Amino acid sequence: MRLVVNGPTGTGRRARLAHIIVAGKTGTTQNPHGRDHAWFIAFAPFNHPEVAIAVMVENGGYGGSVAAPIAHDMLQLYFNKNPVRTESGRIAMKKEKTEIP
């Protein structure tokens, strides 16, 4: 599950965080009545999990391209006390300034 998110060809790469190792699994459920359903499950940090997430998007398409980015944003909010939204609406890490006396 670690390589699904952190491996070079993992289908959950869009859930990757910069400083925390996330593990996850993508999935796509066939829908005979329309577009497939997308899902992604994850936990983090990999070595000492403290949070688990499940994302299901009805008629969303593929888990890696639709559900994993949602999980990324949720994990970013969980681990970042002061999230910042970029112009595109994505969540970004807030840059902290450290003052040295």
PDB file of N, CA and C in Angstrom:
ATOM      1  N   MET A   1       0.824  -1.198   0.000  1.00  0.00           N
ATOM      2  CA  MET A   1       0.000   0.000   0.000  1.00  0.00           C
ATOM      3  C   MET A   1       0.868   1.262   0.000  1.00  0.00           C
ATOM      4  N   ARG A   2       2.054   1.151   0.560  1.00  0.00           N
ATOM      5  CA  ARG A   2       2.962   2.306   0.562  1.00  0.00           C
ATOM      6  C   ARG A   2       3.363   2.660  -0.866  1.00  0.00           C
ATOM      7  N   LEU A   3       3.648   1.652  -1.687  1.00  0.00           N
ATOM      8  CA  LEU A   3       4.082   1.904  -3.060  1.00  0.00           C
ATOM      9  C   LEU A   3       2.954   2.402  -3.955  1.00  0.00           C
ATOM     10  N   VAL A   4       1.710   2.100  -3.606  1.00  0.00           N
ATOM     11  CA  VAL A   4       0.574   2.607  -4.386  1.00  0.00           C
ATOM     12  C   VAL A   4       0.598   4.135  -4.395  1.00  0.00           C
ATOM     13  N   VAL A   5       0.988   4.727  -3.268  1.00  0.00           N
ATOM     14  CA  VAL A   5       1.032   6.185  -3.150  1.00  0.00           C
ATOM     15  C   VAL A   5       2.423   6.743  -3.461  1.00  0.00           C
ATOM     16  N   ASN A   6       3.463   6.064  -3.016  1.00  0.00           N
ATOM     17  CA  ASN A   6       4.814   6.618  -3.097  1.00  0.00           C
ATOM     18  C   ASN A   6       5.691   6.041  -4.199  1.00  0.00           C
ATOM     19  N   GLY A   7       5.251   4.971  -4.835  1.00  0.00           N
ATOM     20  CA  GLY A   7       6.025   4.377  -5.917  1.00  0.00           C
ATOM     21  C   GLY A   7       5.924   5.204  -7.186  1.00  0.00           C
ATOM     22  N   PRO A   8       6.891   5.064  -8.087  1.00  0.00           N
ATOM     23  CA  PRO A   8       6.912   5.871  -9.310  1.00  0.00           C
ATOM     24  C   PRO A   8       5.739   5.605 -10.250  1.00  0.00           C
ATOM     25  N   THR A   9       5.150   4.421 -10.169  1.00  0.00           N
ATOM     26  CA  THR A   9       4.016   4.104 -11.046  1.00  0.00           C
ATOM     27  C   THR A   9       2.753   3.783 -10.259  1.00  0.00           C
ATOM     28  N   GLY A  10       2.726   4.139  -8.985  1.00  0.00           N
ATOM     29  CA  GLY A  10       1.565   3.850  -8.144  1.00  0.00           C
ATOM     30  C   GLY A  10       0.324   4.594  -8.599  1.00  0.00           C
ATOM     31  N   THR A  11      -0.820   3.935  -8.526  1.00  0.00           N
ATOM     32  CA  THR A  11      -2.071   4.555  -8.971  1.00  0.00           C
ATOM     33  C   THR A  11      -2.602   5.590  -7.988  1.00  0.00           C
ATOM     34  N   GLY A  12      -2.055   5.632  -6.770  1.00  0.00           N
ATOM     35  CA  GLY A  12      -2.502   6.601  -5.770  1.00  0.00           C
ATOM     36  C   GLY A  12      -1.530   7.745  -5.552  1.00  0.00           C
ATOM     37  N   ARG A  13      -0.674   8.019  -6.538  1.00  0.00           N
ATOM     38  CA  ARG A  13       0.345   9.075  -6.398  1.00  0.00           C
ATOM     39  C   ARG A  13      -0.250  10.428  -6.041  1.00  0.00           C
ATOM     40  N   ARG A  14      -1.476  10.678  -6.432  1.00  0.00           N
ATOM     41  CA  ARG A  14      -2.091  11.991  -6.183  1.00  0.00           C
ATOM     42  C   ARG A  14      -2.481  12.194  -4.718  1.00  0.00           C
ATOM     43  N   ALA A  15      -2.282  11.175  -3.889  1.00  0.00           N
ATOM     44  CA  ALA A  15      -2.535  11.313  -2.451  1.00  0.00           C
ATOM     45  C   ALA A  15      -1.241  11.551  -1.686  1.00  0.00           C
ATOM     46  N   ARG A  16      -0.126  11.603  -2.376  1.00  0.00           N
ATOM     47  CA  ARG A  16       1.191  11.747  -1.743  1.00  0.00           C
ATOM     48  C   ARG A  16       1.307  13.081  -1.014  1.00  0.00           C
ATOM     49  N   LEU A  17       1.933  13.034   0.172  1.00  0.00           N
ATOM     50  CA  LEU A  17       2.241  14.243   0.935  1.00  0.00           C
ATOM     51  C   LEU A  17       3.753  14.433   0.956  1.00  0.00           C
ATOM     52  N   ALA A  18       4.187  15.666   1.100  1.00  0.00           N
ATOM     53  CA  ALA A  18       5.613  15.977   1.031  1.00  0.00           C
ATOM     54  C   ALA A  18       6.420  15.391   2.182  1.00  0.00           C
ATOM     55  N   HIS A  19       5.917  15.469   3.404  1.00  0.00           N
ATOM     56  CA  HIS A  19       6.735  15.094   4.562  1.00  0.00           C
ATOM     57  C   HIS A  19       6.155  13.956   5.390  1.00  0.00           C
ATOM     58  N   ILE A  20       5.106  13.320   4.894  1.00  0.00           N
ATOM     59  CA  ILE A  20       4.475  12.216   5.620  1.00  0.00           C
ATOM     60  C   ILE A  20       4.249  11.079   4.639  1.00  0.00           C
ATOM     61  N   ILE A  21       4.647   9.870   5.015  1.00  0.00           N
ATOM     62  CA  ILE A  21       4.451   8.717   4.133  1.00  0.00           C
ATOM     63  C   ILE A  21       3.019   8.219   4.283  1.00  0.00           C
ATOM     64  N   VAL A  22       2.293   8.241   3.181  1.00  0.00           N
ATOM     65  CA  VAL A  22       0.903   7.795   3.123  1.00  0.00           C
ATOM     66  C   VAL A  22       0.870   6.433   2.450  1.00  0.00           C
ATOM     67  N   ALA A  23       0.016   5.547   2.937  1.00  0.00           N
ATOM     68  CA  ALA A  23      -0.218   4.253   2.290  1.00  0.00           C
ATOM     69  C   ALA A  23      -1.674   4.220   1.852  1.00  0.00           C
ATOM     70  N   GLY A  24      -1.956   3.620   0.711  1.00  0.00           N
ATOM     71  CA  GLY A  24      -3.335   3.616   0.240  1.00  0.00           C
ATOM     72  C   GLY A  24      -3.590   2.583  -0.830  1.00  0.00           C
ATOM     73  N   LYS A  25      -4.847   2.506  -1.239  1.00  0.00           N
ATOM     74  CA  LYS A  25      -5.287   1.583  -2.288  1.00  0.00           C
ATOM     75  C   LYS A  25      -6.368   2.266  -3.094  1.00  0.00           C
ATOM     76  N   THR A  26      -6.190   2.281  -4.407  1.00  0.00           N
ATOM     77  CA  THR A  26      -7.201   2.855  -5.289  1.00  0.00           C
ATOM     78  C   THR A  26      -8.155   1.767  -5.752  1.00  0.00           C
ATOM     79  N   GLY A  27      -9.306   2.194  -6.213  1.00  0.00           N
ATOM     80  CA  GLY A  27     -10.252   1.233  -6.757  1.00  0.00           C
ATOM     81  C   GLY A  27     -11.261   1.902  -7.666  1.00  0.00           C
ATOM     82  N   THR A  28     -11.770   1.109  -8.586  1.00  0.00           N
ATOM     83  CA  THR A  28     -12.815   1.550  -9.497  1.00  0.00           C
ATOM     84  C   THR A  28     -13.875   0.466  -9.516  1.00  0.00           C
ATOM     85  N   THR A  29     -15.104   0.839  -9.219  1.00  0.00           N
ATOM     86  CA  THR A  29     -16.204  -0.111  -9.195  1.00  0.00           C
ATOM     87  C   THR A  29     -17.054   0.088 -10.439  1.00  0.00           C
ATOM     88  N   GLN A  30     -17.255  -0.978 -11.193  1.00  0.00           N
ATOM     89  CA  GLN A  30     -18.059  -0.869 -12.406  1.00  0.00           C
ATOM     90  C   GLN A  30     -19.502  -0.535 -12.058  1.00  0.00           C
ATOM     91  N   ASN A  31     -20.092   0.316 -12.880  1.00  0.00           N
ATOM     92  CA  ASN A  31     -21.473   0.728 -12.698  1.00  0.00           C
ATOM     93  C   ASN A  31     -22.227   0.430 -13.994  1.00  0.00           C
ATOM     94  N   PRO A  32     -23.128  -0.547 -13.992  1.00  0.00           N
ATOM     95  CA  PRO A  32     -23.830  -0.898 -15.225  1.00  0.00           C
ATOM     96  C   PRO A  32     -24.812   0.178 -15.691  1.00  0.00           C
ATOM     97  N   HIS A  33     -25.066   1.181 -14.843  1.00  0.00           N
ATOM     98  CA  HIS A  33     -26.052   2.214 -15.175  1.00  0.00           C
ATOM     99  C   HIS A  33     -25.422   3.557 -15.523  1.00  0.00           C
ATOM    100  N   GLY A  34     -24.118   3.615 -15.611  1.00  0.00           N
ATOM    101  CA  GLY A  34     -23.467   4.890 -15.914  1.00  0.00           C
ATOM    102  C   GLY A  34     -21.975   4.814 -15.680  1.00  0.00           C
ATOM    103  N   ARG A  35     -21.420   5.949 -15.354  1.00  0.00           N
ATOM    104  CA  ARG A  35     -19.974   6.056 -15.130  1.00  0.00           C
ATOM    105  C   ARG A  35     -19.560   5.254 -13.897  1.00  0.00           C
ATOM    106  N   ASP A  36     -18.364   4.687 -13.930  1.00  0.00           N
ATOM    107  CA  ASP A  36     -17.856   3.889 -12.813  1.00  0.00           C
ATOM    108  C   ASP A  36     -17.709   4.726 -11.545  1.00  0.00           C
ATOM    109  N   HIS A  37     -17.712   4.036 -10.395  1.00  0.00           N
ATOM    110  CA  HIS A  37     -17.526   4.685  -9.101  1.00  0.00           C
ATOM    111  C   HIS A  37     -16.042   4.639  -8.741  1.00  0.00           C
ATOM    112  N   ALA A  38     -15.528   5.723  -8.171  1.00  0.00           N
ATOM    113  CA  ALA A  38     -14.117   5.828  -7.790  1.00  0.00           C
ATOM    114  C   ALA A  38     -13.996   5.723  -6.280  1.00  0.00           C
ATOM    115  N   TRP A  39     -12.971   4.992  -5.807  1.00  0.00           N
ATOM    116  CA  TRP A  39     -12.733   4.944  -4.363  1.00  0.00           C
ATOM    117  C   TRP A  39     -11.247   4.907  -4.070  1.00  0.00           C
ATOM    118  N   PHE A  40     -10.924   5.322  -2.855  1.00  0.00           N
ATOM    119  CA  PHE A  40      -9.540   5.319  -2.392  1.00  0.00           C
ATOM    120  C   PHE A  40      -9.557   5.218  -0.875  1.00  0.00           C
ATOM    121  N   ILE A  41      -8.737   4.312  -0.335  1.00  0.00           N
ATOM    122  CA  ILE A  41      -8.577   4.214   1.113  1.00  0.00           C
ATOM    123  C   ILE A  41      -7.118   4.506   1.440  1.00  0.00           C
ATOM    124  N   ALA A  42      -6.884   5.100   2.608  1.00  0.00           N
ATOM    125  CA  ALA A  42      -5.513   5.458   2.972  1.00  0.00           C
ATOM    126  C   ALA A  42      -5.354   5.516   4.479  1.00  0.00           C
ATOM    127  N   PHE A  43      -4.097   5.392   4.906  1.00  0.00           N
ATOM    128  CA  PHE A  43      -3.755   5.664   6.297  1.00  0.00           C
ATOM    129  C   PHE A  43      -2.397   6.351   6.326  1.00  0.00           C
ATOM    130  N   ALA A  44      -2.155   7.081   7.407  1.00  0.00           N
ATOM    131  CA  ALA A  44      -0.894   7.817   7.538  1.00  0.00           C
ATOM    132  C   ALA A  44      -0.659   8.178   9.000  1.00  0.00           C
ATOM    133  N   PRO A  45       0.575   8.392   9.373  1.00  0.00           N
ATOM    134  CA  PRO A  45       1.803   8.030   8.684  1.00  0.00           C
ATOM    135  C   PRO A  45       1.951   6.511   8.564  1.00  0.00           C
ATOM    136  N   PHE A  46       2.706   6.087   7.587  1.00  0.00           N
ATOM    137  CA  PHE A  46       2.849   4.669   7.278  1.00  0.00           C
ATOM    138  C   PHE A  46       3.372   3.862   8.461  1.00  0.00           C
ATOM    139  N   ASN A  47       4.420   4.339   9.122  1.00  0.00           N
ATOM    140  CA  ASN A  47       5.041   3.579  10.212  1.00  0.00           C
ATOM    141  C   ASN A  47       4.272   3.614  11.525  1.00  0.00           C
ATOM    142  N   HIS A  48       3.537   4.693  11.769  1.00  0.00           N
ATOM    143  CA  HIS A  48       2.770   4.841  13.014  1.00  0.00           C
ATOM    144  C   HIS A  48       1.437   5.501  12.682  1.00  0.00           C
ATOM    145  N   PRO A  49       0.485   4.758  12.093  1.00  0.00           N
ATOM    146  CA  PRO A  49      -0.772   5.356  11.644  1.00  0.00           C
ATOM    147  C   PRO A  49      -1.543   6.033  12.774  1.00  0.00           C
ATOM    148  N   GLU A  50      -2.063   7.207  12.445  1.00  0.00           N
ATOM    149  CA  GLU A  50      -2.933   7.900  13.386  1.00  0.00           C
ATOM    150  C   GLU A  50      -4.240   8.331  12.738  1.00  0.00           C
ATOM    151  N   VAL A  51      -4.349   8.159  11.424  1.00  0.00           N
ATOM    152  CA  VAL A  51      -5.581   8.515  10.734  1.00  0.00           C
ATOM    153  C   VAL A  51      -5.800   7.543   9.567  1.00  0.00           C
ATOM    154  N   ALA A  52      -7.069   7.207   9.333  1.00  0.00           N
ATOM    155  CA  ALA A  52      -7.460   6.380   8.186  1.00  0.00           C
ATOM    156  C   ALA A  52      -8.599   7.090   7.468  1.00  0.00           C
ATOM    157  N   ILE A  53      -8.602   6.998   6.148  1.00  0.00           N
ATOM    158  CA  ILE A  53      -9.591   7.705   5.332  1.00  0.00           C
ATOM    159  C   ILE A  53     -10.133   6.763   4.266  1.00  0.00           C
ATOM    160  N   ALA A  54     -11.418   6.884   3.998  1.00  0.00           N
ATOM    161  CA  ALA A  54     -12.042   6.192   2.868  1.00  0.00           C
ATOM    162  C   ALA A  54     -12.813   7.239   2.063  1.00  0.00           C
ATOM    163  N   VAL A  55     -12.557   7.288   0.767  1.00  0.00           N
ATOM    164  CA  VAL A  55     -13.232   8.236  -0.118  1.00  0.00           C
ATOM    165  C   VAL A  55     -13.951   7.439  -1.197  1.00  0.00           C
ATOM    166  N   MET A  56     -15.230   7.711  -1.385  1.00  0.00           N
ATOM    167  CA  MET A  56     -16.029   7.058  -2.425  1.00  0.00           C
ATOM    168  C   MET A  56     -16.722   8.151  -3.224  1.00  0.00           C
ATOM    169  N   VAL A  57     -16.530   8.154  -4.541  1.00  0.00           N
ATOM    170  CA  VAL A  57     -17.153   9.153  -5.401  1.00  0.00           C
ATOM    171  C   VAL A  57     -18.034   8.423  -6.403  1.00  0.00           C
ATOM    172  N   GLU A  58     -19.343   8.530  -6.205  1.00  0.00           N
ATOM    173  CA  GLU A  58     -20.273   7.881  -7.134  1.00  0.00           C
ATOM    174  C   GLU A  58     -20.129   8.497  -8.520  1.00  0.00           C
ATOM    175  N   ASN A  59     -20.095   7.653  -9.526  1.00  0.00           N
ATOM    176  CA  ASN A  59     -19.976   8.083 -10.921  1.00  0.00           C
ATOM    177  C   ASN A  59     -18.732   8.942 -11.150  1.00  0.00           C
ATOM    178  N   GLY A  60     -17.703   8.739 -10.332  1.00  0.00           N
ATOM    179  CA  GLY A  60     -16.504   9.575 -10.395  1.00  0.00           C
ATOM    180  C   GLY A  60     -15.478   9.143 -11.417  1.00  0.00           C
ATOM    181  N   GLY A  61     -15.520   7.902 -11.843  1.00  0.00           N
ATOM    182  CA  GLY A  61     -14.520   7.428 -12.796  1.00  0.00           C
ATOM    183  C   GLY A  61     -13.487   6.560 -12.115  1.00  0.00           C
ATOM    184  N   TYR A  62     -12.245   7.004 -12.094  1.00  0.00           N
ATOM    185  CA  TYR A  62     -11.147   6.200 -11.563  1.00  0.00           C
ATOM    186  C   TYR A  62     -10.711   6.687 -10.183  1.00  0.00           C
ATOM    187  N   GLY A  63     -10.403   5.737  -9.297  1.00  0.00           N
ATOM    188  CA  GLY A  63     -10.005   6.071  -7.938  1.00  0.00           C
ATOM    189  C   GLY A  63      -8.749   6.906  -7.854  1.00  0.00           C
ATOM    190  N   GLY A  64      -7.754   6.572  -8.678  1.00  0.00           N
ATOM    191  CA  GLY A  64      -6.492   7.293  -8.627  1.00  0.00           C
ATOM    192  C   GLY A  64      -6.587   8.731  -9.091  1.00  0.00           C
ATOM    193  N   SER A  65      -7.461   8.998 -10.039  1.00  0.00           N
ATOM    194  CA  SER A  65      -7.548  10.355 -10.585  1.00  0.00           C
ATOM    195  C   SER A  65      -8.615  11.210  -9.915  1.00  0.00           C
ATOM    196  N   VAL A  66      -9.580  10.588  -9.244  1.00  0.00           N
ATOM    197  CA  VAL A  66     -10.672  11.354  -8.637  1.00  0.00           C
ATOM    198  C   VAL A  66     -10.677  11.261  -7.111  1.00  0.00           C
ATOM    199  N   ALA A  67     -10.640  10.063  -6.568  1.00  0.00           N
ATOM    200  CA  ALA A  67     -10.746   9.894  -5.118  1.00  0.00           C
ATOM    201  C   ALA A  67      -9.430  10.166  -4.387  1.00  0.00           C
ATOM    202  N   ALA A  68      -8.298   9.795  -4.973  1.00  0.00           N
ATOM    203  CA  ALA A  68      -7.001  10.012  -4.311  1.00  0.00           C
ATOM    204  C   ALA A  68      -6.704  11.492  -4.062  1.00  0.00           C
ATOM    205  N   PRO A  69      -6.990  12.400  -5.011  1.00  0.00           N
ATOM    206  CA  PRO A  69      -6.756  13.818  -4.721  1.00  0.00           C
ATOM    207  C   PRO A  69      -7.628  14.347  -3.579  1.00  0.00           C
ATOM    208  N   ILE A  70      -8.823  13.814  -3.432  1.00  0.00           N
ATOM    209  CA  ILE A  70      -9.688  14.219  -2.317  1.00  0.00           C
ATOM    210  C   ILE A  70      -9.069  13.756  -1.003  1.00  0.00           C
ATOM    211  N   ALA A  71      -8.575  12.521  -0.986  1.00  0.00           N
ATOM    212  CA  ALA A  71      -7.900  12.010   0.212  1.00  0.00           C
ATOM    213  C   ALA A  71      -6.664  12.848   0.523  1.00  0.00           C
ATOM    214  N   HIS A  72      -5.929  13.243  -0.513  1.00  0.00           N
ATOM    215  CA  HIS A  72      -4.761  14.113  -0.322  1.00  0.00           C
ATOM    216  C   HIS A  72      -5.165  15.380   0.430  1.00  0.00           C
ATOM    217  N   ASP A  73      -6.231  16.033  -0.029  1.00  0.00           N
ATOM    218  CA  ASP A  73      -6.673  17.269   0.610  1.00  0.00           C
ATOM    219  C   ASP A  73      -7.119  17.033   2.049  1.00  0.00           C
ATOM    220  N   MET A  74      -7.796  15.921   2.297  1.00  0.00           N
ATOM    221  CA  MET A  74      -8.238  15.595   3.653  1.00  0.00           C
ATOM    222  C   MET A  74      -7.040  15.358   4.569  1.00  0.00           C
ATOM    223  N   LEU A  75      -6.055  14.607   4.090  1.00  0.00           N
ATOM    224  CA  LEU A  75      -4.851  14.351   4.880  1.00  0.00           C
ATOM    225  C   LEU A  75      -4.073  15.643   5.114  1.00  0.00           C
ATOM    226  N   GLN A  76      -4.022  16.477   4.098  1.00  0.00           N
ATOM    227  CA  GLN A  76      -3.332  17.761   4.237  1.00  0.00           C
ATOM    228  C   GLN A  76      -3.987  18.595   5.338  1.00  0.00           C
ATOM    229  N   LEU A  77      -5.304  18.611   5.358  1.00  0.00           N
ATOM    230  CA  LEU A  77      -6.020  19.337   6.412  1.00  0.00           C
ATOM    231  C   LEU A  77      -5.755  18.729   7.778  1.00  0.00           C
ATOM    232  N   TYR A  78      -5.730  17.419   7.850  1.00  0.00           N
ATOM    233  CA  TYR A  78      -5.518  16.740   9.131  1.00  0.00           C
ATOM    234  C   TYR A  78      -4.139  17.051   9.708  1.00  0.00           C
ATOM    235  N   PHE A  79      -3.120  16.977   8.885  1.00  0.00           N
ATOM    236  CA  PHE A  79      -1.757  17.142   9.371  1.00  0.00           C
ATOM    237  C   PHE A  79      -1.282  18.596   9.411  1.00  0.00           C
ATOM    238  N   ASN A  80      -1.976  19.483   8.740  1.00  0.00           N
ATOM    239  CA  ASN A  80      -1.574  20.884   8.690  1.00  0.00           C
ATOM    240  C   ASN A  80      -2.581  21.723   9.459  1.00  0.00           C
ATOM    241  N   LYS A  81      -2.132  22.378  10.493  1.00  0.00           N
ATOM    242  CA  LYS A  81      -3.033  23.183  11.323  1.00  0.00           C
ATOM    243  C   LYS A  81      -3.515  24.441  10.608  1.00  0.00           C
ATOM    244  N   ASN A  82      -2.739  24.957   9.672  1.00  0.00           N
ATOM    245  CA  ASN A  82      -3.077  26.201   8.978  1.00  0.00           C
ATOM    246  C   ASN A  82      -3.017  26.013   7.464  1.00  0.00           C
ATOM    247  N   PRO A  83      -3.978  25.299   6.881  1.00  0.00           N
ATOM    248  CA  PRO A  83      -3.921  25.071   5.436  1.00  0.00           C
ATOM    249  C   PRO A  83      -4.151  26.360   4.647  1.00  0.00           C
ATOM    250  N   VAL A  84      -3.586  26.404   3.470  1.00  0.00           N
ATOM    251  CA  VAL A  84      -3.725  27.552   2.583  1.00  0.00           C
ATOM    252  C   VAL A  84      -4.215  27.037   1.238  1.00  0.00           C
ATOM    253  N   ARG A  85      -5.163  27.743   0.634  1.00  0.00           N
ATOM    254  CA  ARG A  85      -5.649  27.350  -0.689  1.00  0.00           C
ATOM    255  C   ARG A  85      -4.874  28.106  -1.763  1.00  0.00           C
ATOM    256  N   THR A  86      -4.475  27.387  -2.793  1.00  0.00           N
ATOM    257  CA  THR A  86      -3.780  28.014  -3.914  1.00  0.00           C
ATOM    258  C   THR A  86      -4.817  28.621  -4.847  1.00  0.00           C
ATOM    259  N   GLU A  87      -4.364  29.309  -5.886  1.00  0.00           N
ATOM    260  CA  GLU A  87      -5.286  29.912  -6.845  1.00  0.00           C
ATOM    261  C   GLU A  87      -6.173  28.874  -7.510  1.00  0.00           C
ATOM    262  N   SER A  88      -5.660  27.660  -7.689  1.00  0.00           N
ATOM    263  CA  SER A  88      -6.446  26.608  -8.334  1.00  0.00           C
ATOM    264  C   SER A  88      -7.443  25.963  -7.376  1.00  0.00           C
ATOM    265  N   GLY A  89      -7.392  26.362  -6.085  1.00  0.00           N
ATOM    266  CA  GLY A  89      -8.316  25.800  -5.114  1.00  0.00           C
ATOM    267  C   GLY A  89      -7.753  24.630  -4.337  1.00  0.00           C
ATOM    268  N   ARG A  90      -6.553  24.157  -4.708  1.00  0.00           N
ATOM    269  CA  ARG A  90      -5.926  23.045  -3.998  1.00  0.00           C
ATOM    270  C   ARG A  90      -5.387  23.528  -2.660  1.00  0.00           C
ATOM    271  N   ILE A  91      -5.262  22.620  -1.730  1.00  0.00           N
ATOM    272  CA  ILE A  91      -4.705  22.958  -0.427  1.00  0.00           C
ATOM    273  C   ILE A  91      -3.189  22.868  -0.503  1.00  0.00           C
ATOM    274  N   ALA A  92      -2.508  23.851   0.069  1.00  0.00           N
ATOM    275  CA  ALA A  92      -1.043  23.870   0.085  1.00  0.00           C
ATOM    276  C   ALA A  92      -0.558  24.041   1.514  1.00  0.00           C
ATOM    277  N   MET A  93       0.665  23.629   1.752  1.00  0.00           N
ATOM    278  CA  MET A  93       1.257  23.804   3.071  1.00  0.00           C
ATOM    279  C   MET A  93       1.556  25.280   3.291  1.00  0.00           C
ATOM    280  N   LYS A  94       1.228  25.781   4.470  1.00  0.00           N
ATOM    281  CA  LYS A  94       1.535  27.162   4.812  1.00  0.00           C
ATOM    282  C   LYS A  94       3.009  27.259   5.184  1.00  0.00           C
ATOM    283  N   LYS A  95       3.693  28.205   4.602  1.00  0.00           N
ATOM    284  CA  LYS A  95       5.105  28.388   4.905  1.00  0.00           C
ATOM    285  C   LYS A  95       5.227  29.172   6.207  1.00  0.00           C
ATOM    286  N   GLU A  96       5.876  28.559   7.153  1.00  0.00           N
ATOM    287  CA  GLU A  96       6.084  29.190   8.457  1.00  0.00           C
ATOM    288  C   GLU A  96       7.405  29.943   8.439  1.00  0.00           C
ATOM    289  N   LYS A  97       7.414  31.107   9.031  1.00  0.00           N
ATOM    290  CA  LYS A  97       8.650  31.864   9.173  1.00  0.00           C
ATOM    291  C   LYS A  97       9.172  31.655  10.584  1.00  0.00           C
ATOM    292  N   THR A  98      10.404  31.263  10.675  1.00  0.00           N
ATOM    293  CA  THR A  98      11.031  31.078  11.976  1.00  0.00           C
ATOM    294  C   THR A  98      11.965  32.250  12.230  1.00  0.00           C
ATOM    295  N   GLU A  99      11.703  32.957  13.314  1.00  0.00           N
ATOM    296  CA  GLU A  99      12.556  34.087  13.658  1.00  0.00           C
ATOM    297  C   GLU A  99      13.598  33.639  14.665  1.00  0.00           C
ATOM    298  N   ILE A 100      14.817  34.007  14.402  1.00  0.00           N
ATOM    299  CA  ILE A 100      15.909  33.674  15.309  1.00  0.00           C
ATOM    300  C   ILE A 100      16.235  34.919  16.121  1.00  0.00           C
ATOM    301  N   PRO A 101      16.158  34.819  17.464  1.00  0.00           N
ATOM    302  CA  PRO A 101      16.409  36.008  18.298  1.00  0.00           C
ATOM    303  C   PRO A 101      17.850  36.457  18.241  1.00  0.00           C
TER     304      PRO A 101
END
